[in-house]
Protein backbone atom coordinates (compact mmCIF):
# COMPACT_ATOMS: atom_id res chain seq x y z
CA MET A 1 30.50 -1.02 1.49
CA GLY A 2 31.24 2.37 0.06
CA GLU A 3 28.40 1.96 -2.39
CA LEU A 4 25.93 1.92 0.51
CA ALA A 5 27.10 5.13 2.13
CA PRO A 6 24.31 7.70 2.40
CA GLN A 7 24.35 10.28 -0.33
CA LYS A 8 23.81 13.97 0.16
CA PRO A 9 20.06 14.63 0.46
CA ARG A 10 18.58 15.82 -2.78
CA ARG A 11 16.71 19.07 -2.98
CA GLY A 12 14.18 17.93 -5.56
CA ARG A 13 10.68 17.47 -4.23
CA LEU A 14 7.96 15.13 -5.38
CA THR A 15 4.69 16.72 -6.42
CA LEU A 16 3.01 15.66 -3.19
CA ASP A 17 1.04 18.90 -3.16
CA ARG A 18 -0.90 17.50 -6.12
CA VAL A 19 -1.41 14.29 -4.19
CA PHE A 20 -2.91 16.26 -1.30
CA ARG A 21 -5.25 18.15 -3.61
CA LEU A 22 -6.49 14.92 -5.17
CA ALA A 23 -6.81 13.31 -1.75
CA LEU A 24 -8.86 16.21 -0.43
CA LEU A 25 -11.17 15.82 -3.43
CA LEU A 26 -11.57 12.10 -2.82
CA ILE A 27 -12.45 12.38 0.87
CA PRO A 28 -15.80 14.25 0.70
CA PHE A 29 -17.04 12.28 -2.30
CA GLY A 30 -16.03 9.01 -0.68
CA VAL A 31 -17.68 9.86 2.63
CA LEU A 32 -20.89 10.93 0.87
CA GLY A 33 -20.84 7.73 -1.14
CA ASN A 34 -20.41 5.70 2.03
CA LEU A 35 -23.34 7.48 3.68
CA ALA A 36 -25.51 6.89 0.62
CA LEU A 37 -24.57 3.20 0.57
CA SER A 38 -25.38 2.81 4.26
CA TRP A 39 -28.70 4.60 3.89
CA ALA A 40 -29.76 2.54 0.87
CA THR A 41 -28.75 -0.93 2.07
CA THR A 42 -29.03 -0.88 5.87
CA ASP A 43 -32.05 -1.69 7.98
CA ARG A 44 -33.25 1.75 9.11
CA THR A 45 -34.24 0.42 12.51
CA LEU A 46 -30.58 -0.34 13.23
CA LEU A 47 -29.31 3.21 12.76
CA PRO A 48 -30.94 4.76 15.88
CA ARG A 49 -29.48 1.93 18.00
CA LEU A 50 -25.87 2.51 16.92
CA PRO A 51 -25.00 4.69 19.96
CA GLU A 52 -26.16 1.85 22.22
CA LEU A 53 -23.79 -0.74 20.68
CA PRO A 54 -20.50 -1.64 22.49
CA ARG A 55 -18.11 1.08 21.42
CA GLY A 56 -15.06 -0.85 22.56
CA TYR A 57 -15.13 -2.91 19.37
CA LEU A 58 -15.42 0.26 17.30
CA TYR A 59 -12.39 1.79 19.03
CA LEU A 60 -10.56 -1.50 18.49
CA ALA A 61 -11.34 -1.38 14.77
CA LEU A 62 -10.01 2.17 14.61
CA ALA A 63 -6.79 1.20 16.42
CA LEU A 64 -6.28 -1.89 14.26
CA GLY A 65 -6.55 0.29 11.15
CA LEU A 66 -3.88 2.72 12.37
CA ILE A 67 -1.33 0.28 13.81
CA PRO A 68 0.01 -0.68 10.33
CA TRP A 69 1.32 2.88 9.91
CA PHE A 70 3.65 2.41 12.87
CA THR A 71 4.66 -1.16 12.09
CA ASN A 72 5.45 -0.24 8.48
CA ALA A 73 7.56 2.71 9.65
CA LEU A 74 9.37 0.45 12.12
CA ARG A 75 10.19 -2.06 9.37
CA LEU A 76 11.55 0.75 7.22
CA LEU A 77 13.59 2.09 10.13
CA VAL A 78 15.14 -1.32 10.84
CA TRP A 79 16.45 -1.74 7.30
CA THR A 80 17.59 1.83 6.73
CA ARG A 81 19.51 1.77 10.02
CA PHE A 82 20.96 -1.62 9.06
CA ILE A 83 22.46 -0.24 5.86
CA GLY A 84 23.97 2.71 7.72
CA THR A 85 21.50 5.53 7.00
CA ASP A 86 20.75 7.86 9.91
CA LEU A 87 17.00 7.93 9.42
CA SER A 88 14.78 8.92 12.34
CA PHE A 89 11.47 7.26 13.15
CA ARG A 90 9.70 10.48 12.22
CA ASP A 91 11.35 10.42 8.80
CA ALA A 92 10.33 6.78 8.34
CA PHE A 93 6.79 7.56 9.48
CA ARG A 94 6.59 10.46 7.05
CA ILE A 95 7.81 8.26 4.19
CA VAL A 96 5.17 5.65 5.02
CA LEU A 97 2.42 8.29 5.10
CA GLY A 98 3.63 9.73 1.80
CA GLY A 99 3.43 6.30 0.21
CA GLU A 100 -0.07 5.74 1.61
CA LEU A 101 -1.27 9.10 0.30
CA GLY A 102 0.29 8.42 -3.09
CA SER A 103 -1.42 5.04 -3.37
CA SER A 104 -4.76 6.61 -2.47
CA VAL A 105 -4.83 8.78 -5.61
CA LEU A 106 -3.39 6.14 -7.94
CA PRO A 107 -4.78 2.76 -8.97
CA SER A 108 -4.12 0.20 -6.22
CA SER A 109 -1.82 -1.83 -8.48
CA SER A 110 0.51 1.19 -8.73
CA GLY A 111 0.87 1.41 -4.98
CA GLY A 112 2.89 4.12 -3.26
CA GLU A 113 6.30 2.65 -4.02
CA ILE A 114 7.36 5.46 -6.34
CA PHE A 115 6.62 8.01 -3.61
CA ARG A 116 8.47 6.05 -0.92
CA TRP A 117 11.38 5.51 -3.31
CA GLY A 118 11.62 9.22 -4.11
CA MET A 119 11.28 10.31 -0.49
CA MET A 120 13.99 7.90 0.62
CA MET A 121 16.33 9.36 -1.99
CA GLN A 122 15.52 12.80 -0.63
CA ARG A 123 16.73 11.54 2.75
CA GLY A 124 20.08 10.49 1.28
CA LEU A 125 19.61 6.90 0.07
CA SER A 126 20.92 5.95 -3.36
CA PRO A 127 18.32 4.80 -5.92
CA GLY A 128 19.42 1.17 -5.73
CA THR A 129 19.50 1.12 -1.94
CA ALA A 130 16.02 2.68 -1.73
CA ALA A 131 14.73 0.12 -4.22
CA SER A 132 16.33 -2.65 -2.15
CA VAL A 133 14.54 -1.52 1.02
CA ILE A 134 11.22 -1.49 -0.82
CA ALA A 135 11.93 -4.92 -2.30
CA LEU A 136 12.77 -6.29 1.15
CA GLY A 137 9.37 -5.14 2.35
CA HIS A 138 7.67 -6.93 -0.53
CA ALA A 139 9.67 -10.07 0.22
CA GLU A 140 8.53 -9.99 3.85
CA ASP A 141 4.89 -9.50 2.82
CA SER A 142 5.05 -12.31 0.27
CA LEU A 143 6.64 -14.75 2.70
CA PHE A 144 4.08 -13.94 5.39
CA PHE A 145 1.13 -14.57 3.09
CA LEU A 146 2.77 -17.66 1.64
CA LEU A 147 2.74 -19.09 5.16
CA ALA A 148 -0.44 -17.54 6.58
CA LEU A 149 -2.94 -18.04 3.76
CA PRO A 150 -2.76 -21.86 3.54
CA VAL A 151 -3.07 -22.09 7.33
CA ALA A 152 -6.08 -19.76 7.33
CA ALA A 153 -7.70 -21.67 4.46
CA ILE A 154 -7.30 -25.00 6.26
CA LEU A 155 -8.52 -23.72 9.64
CA SER A 156 -11.57 -21.99 8.14
CA SER A 157 -12.41 -24.57 5.41
CA ALA A 158 -12.71 -21.57 3.10
CA TRP A 159 -12.31 -23.53 -0.13
CA ASP A 160 -15.85 -24.83 0.33
CA LEU A 161 -17.27 -21.33 -0.09
CA PRO A 162 -18.77 -20.76 -3.59
CA ILE A 163 -17.92 -17.06 -3.42
CA LEU A 164 -14.20 -17.82 -3.26
CA ARG A 165 -14.39 -20.01 -6.34
CA ARG A 166 -16.23 -17.28 -8.21
CA VAL A 167 -13.77 -14.57 -7.15
CA ALA A 168 -10.82 -16.79 -8.07
CA GLY A 169 -12.21 -17.19 -11.58
CA GLU A 170 -12.70 -13.44 -11.95
CA ILE A 171 -9.18 -12.70 -10.69
CA GLU A 172 -7.73 -15.21 -13.14
CA GLY A 173 -9.57 -13.58 -16.05
CA SER A 174 -8.54 -10.07 -14.98
CA ALA A 175 -4.94 -11.15 -14.49
CA LEU A 176 -4.79 -12.52 -18.03
CA GLN A 177 -6.14 -9.23 -19.38
CA VAL A 178 -3.61 -7.22 -17.39
CA VAL A 179 -0.74 -9.41 -18.62
CA ALA A 180 -1.93 -9.12 -22.23
CA VAL A 181 -2.18 -5.32 -22.04
CA ALA A 182 1.23 -5.03 -20.35
CA ALA A 183 2.81 -7.26 -23.02
CA ALA A 184 1.27 -5.17 -25.79
CA VAL A 185 2.56 -1.94 -24.22
CA LEU A 186 6.07 -3.39 -23.87
CA VAL A 187 6.09 -4.49 -27.51
CA VAL A 188 5.00 -1.03 -28.69
CA LEU A 189 7.66 0.66 -26.54
CA ALA A 190 10.37 -1.70 -27.80
CA VAL A 191 9.44 -1.02 -31.44
CA LEU A 192 9.37 2.74 -30.80
CA VAL A 193 12.77 2.74 -29.05
CA ARG A 194 14.30 0.67 -31.83
CA LEU A 195 12.88 3.04 -34.43
CA VAL A 196 14.31 6.09 -32.63
CA LEU A 197 17.78 4.59 -32.12
CA ARG A 198 18.00 3.59 -35.78
CA GLY A 199 17.19 7.13 -36.88
CA GLY A 200 13.73 6.41 -38.17
CA LEU A 201 12.41 9.62 -36.59
CA GLY A 202 15.34 11.82 -37.61
CA ALA A 203 18.92 12.47 -36.60
CA ARG A 204 18.02 14.79 -33.73
CA ALA A 205 15.67 12.25 -32.18
CA ARG A 206 18.36 9.57 -32.60
CA ARG A 207 21.02 11.65 -30.79
CA ALA A 208 18.60 12.44 -27.97
CA GLY A 209 17.61 8.79 -27.75
CA LEU A 210 21.23 7.63 -27.58
CA ARG A 211 22.04 10.12 -24.81
CA LEU A 212 18.94 9.11 -22.87
CA THR A 213 19.59 5.37 -23.16
CA ALA A 214 23.25 5.81 -22.18
CA ARG A 215 22.28 7.81 -19.10
CA LEU A 216 19.59 5.27 -18.23
CA ARG A 217 22.02 2.37 -18.54
CA ARG A 218 24.52 4.06 -16.23
CA ARG A 219 21.86 4.71 -13.60
CA LEU A 220 20.45 1.21 -13.85
CA ARG A 221 23.94 -0.28 -13.55
CA ARG A 222 24.67 1.82 -10.46
CA ALA A 223 21.27 0.95 -8.97
CA TRP A 224 21.90 -2.75 -9.61
CA TRP A 225 25.25 -2.56 -7.83
CA ASP A 226 23.61 -0.93 -4.79
CA PHE A 227 20.76 -3.45 -4.91
CA ARG A 228 23.18 -6.38 -5.03
CA ASP A 229 25.32 -5.03 -2.18
CA VAL A 230 22.29 -4.57 0.08
CA TYR A 231 21.10 -8.13 -0.41
CA ARG A 232 24.60 -9.49 0.05
CA LEU A 233 24.80 -7.60 3.33
CA VAL A 234 21.39 -8.92 4.44
CA VAL A 235 22.39 -12.52 3.69
CA GLU A 236 25.68 -12.16 5.54
CA ARG A 237 24.66 -10.13 8.61
CA GLY A 238 20.94 -9.39 8.48
CA LYS A 239 19.22 -12.71 9.21
CA SER A 240 18.25 -11.73 12.75
CA ARG A 241 16.81 -8.45 11.51
CA PHE A 242 14.84 -10.30 8.85
CA LEU A 243 13.29 -12.48 11.55
CA LEU A 244 12.48 -9.34 13.54
CA THR A 245 10.82 -7.60 10.60
CA MET A 246 8.91 -10.79 9.75
CA GLY A 247 7.38 -10.68 13.23
CA ILE A 248 6.48 -7.02 12.75
CA THR A 249 5.03 -7.88 9.33
CA ALA A 250 2.79 -10.54 10.90
CA VAL A 251 1.49 -8.00 13.42
CA GLN A 252 0.93 -5.43 10.67
CA TRP A 253 -1.19 -7.59 8.37
CA SER A 254 -3.03 -9.29 11.22
CA CYS A 255 -4.14 -5.89 12.48
CA ARG A 256 -5.10 -4.56 9.08
CA TYR A 257 -7.12 -7.63 8.14
CA SER A 258 -8.83 -7.79 11.56
CA VAL A 259 -10.56 -4.41 11.25
CA VAL A 260 -13.55 -6.12 9.66
CA SER A 261 -13.81 -8.63 12.54
CA ALA A 262 -13.85 -5.86 15.16
CA LEU A 263 -16.43 -3.91 13.13
CA ALA A 264 -18.63 -7.01 12.76
CA ALA A 265 -18.43 -7.59 16.52
CA PHE A 266 -19.45 -3.97 17.08
CA LEU A 267 -22.58 -4.51 14.95
CA GLY A 268 -23.41 -7.74 16.73
CA ALA A 269 -22.65 -10.14 13.86
CA GLU A 270 -21.12 -13.59 14.29
CA VAL A 271 -17.36 -13.32 13.78
CA ASP A 272 -14.93 -15.87 12.36
CA PRO A 273 -11.58 -14.03 12.64
CA VAL A 274 -9.60 -16.55 10.60
CA LEU A 275 -12.12 -16.68 7.75
CA PHE A 276 -12.53 -12.90 7.78
CA PHE A 277 -8.74 -12.54 7.62
CA LEU A 278 -8.63 -14.75 4.52
CA LEU A 279 -11.52 -12.91 2.86
CA GLN A 280 -9.83 -9.58 3.51
CA TRP A 281 -6.87 -10.84 1.49
CA VAL A 282 -9.32 -11.75 -1.29
CA VAL A 283 -10.88 -8.27 -1.25
CA PHE A 284 -7.54 -6.44 -1.28
CA THR A 285 -6.30 -8.70 -4.08
CA VAL A 286 -9.37 -7.88 -6.18
CA MET A 287 -8.69 -4.19 -5.54
CA LEU A 288 -5.36 -4.50 -7.37
CA PHE A 289 -7.27 -4.99 -10.63
CA ILE A 290 -9.54 -1.97 -10.16
CA PRO A 291 -8.18 0.96 -12.24
CA THR A 292 -9.79 3.79 -10.22
CA PRO A 293 -7.76 5.91 -7.74
CA GLY A 294 -7.48 3.98 -4.50
CA ALA A 295 -9.85 1.38 -6.04
CA SER A 296 -12.72 3.75 -5.18
CA GLY A 297 -16.09 2.21 -5.94
CA GLY A 298 -14.66 -1.16 -6.83
CA ALA A 299 -13.41 -1.79 -3.29
CA GLU A 300 -16.90 -1.35 -1.87
CA ALA A 301 -18.37 -3.61 -4.54
CA ALA A 302 -15.75 -6.31 -3.87
CA PHE A 303 -16.37 -6.19 -0.12
CA TYR A 304 -20.14 -6.33 -0.55
CA LEU A 305 -19.87 -9.26 -2.96
CA VAL A 306 -17.54 -11.29 -0.73
CA TYR A 307 -19.18 -10.67 2.65
CA SER A 308 -22.86 -10.57 1.67
CA ALA A 309 -23.08 -14.35 1.99
CA LEU A 310 -21.64 -14.34 5.53
CA LEU A 311 -23.12 -11.28 7.23
CA PRO A 312 -26.77 -10.59 8.09
CA ALA A 313 -28.47 -8.75 5.23
CA PRO A 314 -29.57 -5.74 7.36
CA ILE A 315 -25.97 -4.80 8.24
CA VAL A 316 -24.02 -5.66 5.05
CA GLY A 317 -24.32 -2.14 3.65
CA LEU A 318 -23.32 -0.53 6.94
CA MET A 319 -20.41 -2.96 7.29
CA THR A 320 -19.24 -2.10 3.78
CA ALA A 321 -19.38 1.62 4.40
CA GLY A 322 -17.81 1.37 7.86
CA TRP A 323 -14.98 -0.88 6.66
CA ARG A 324 -14.15 1.45 3.77
CA PHE A 325 -14.33 4.52 5.99
CA LEU A 326 -12.03 3.07 8.67
CA THR A 327 -9.51 1.53 6.26
CA PHE A 328 -9.37 4.28 3.63
CA TYR A 329 -11.16 7.62 3.95
CA LEU A 330 -10.45 8.25 7.62
CA GLN A 331 -6.81 7.22 7.16
CA LEU A 332 -6.58 9.39 4.05
CA ALA A 333 -7.79 12.48 5.91
CA LEU A 334 -5.80 11.82 9.07
CA GLY A 335 -2.68 10.89 7.10
CA ALA A 336 -2.82 14.11 5.07
CA VAL A 337 -3.04 16.20 8.25
CA ILE A 338 -0.20 14.35 10.02
CA PHE A 339 2.02 14.37 6.93
CA THR A 340 1.52 18.11 6.53
CA GLY A 341 2.38 18.65 10.19
CA LEU A 342 5.56 16.59 9.93
CA THR A 343 6.56 18.36 6.72
CA VAL A 344 6.12 21.81 8.27
CA ALA A 345 7.69 20.93 11.63
CA GLY A 346 10.92 19.54 10.15
CA PRO A 347 12.27 22.75 8.58
CA ARG A 348 11.20 24.78 11.61
CA GLU A 349 13.21 22.56 13.95
CA GLN A 350 16.21 22.73 11.66
CA ARG A 351 16.07 26.54 11.68
CA ARG A 352 15.95 26.46 15.47
CA GLY A 353 19.05 24.29 15.56
CA ALA A 354 17.31 21.08 16.61
CA PRO A 355 19.00 17.82 15.55
């Protein structure tokens, strides 16, 4: 298992300062947009009565939105410790926050994987091992939804809802467009690489291209070896840990997709937790096809479209704004502050001789 031994931490830093600047630009505009949406679509007589509503549900919605940070960090900690990397919970928490901040300023389909991957390498993981940990997380998520979504659909009779049929058709059309564009890009890149390696753009470009492809092949081969060794180790000795992380994964997604139920209960609407869970998956899936940073604008539209048929008309706008605020803008602001604090505190403790 020498291939899985932690490497010396790298000194290179990701451009997370740019991520923070973009995040700080998104927050005020997003909050103002949420306020405008609430003001334009909510029954004005409801707004003065908000302080009188049961705040326990609002606090519950806030807690449910923040719990996934800790569960995600715990999942990361389980697998990094399993492969022999001495990663602390604070390091894992910081990596999770960095990934969340990165995904907030990129299209949702890009996610924050590249940030988590880079930050794990900074903590000493090899590229292939870091990619394996990320892939394990995706496998856990996929397996959970593969089991949970059919159960939720059956219990809630969701397939009878016209809105789901409409959204499914739109997702199918968008997916075909995304696949077509991706295929076209791959074809253009393949033709360009072939042209460079054959010397079509000159001898200097050909030499540079050959060096680059050789270096890339070596790194990919080394990453594949690490990737293969991690999965072999998981199959041989990590089954119990996989069951543990699957349980944590279930808690994570159940909390994240229940924010809307707690918020609806706060506003006095009738709540169907199972149906709302399923519709949250629909909304977040639609967000993957929205090209704006963090799916801004499109996320609100998707939520409004999906839930307008189920929630009372006077509160749909307020629900949309509150859901987006609790699941995105508040987490973006709070995450940036906490991440900055963890980033500053680490070097200070090291200078003081702390472990």
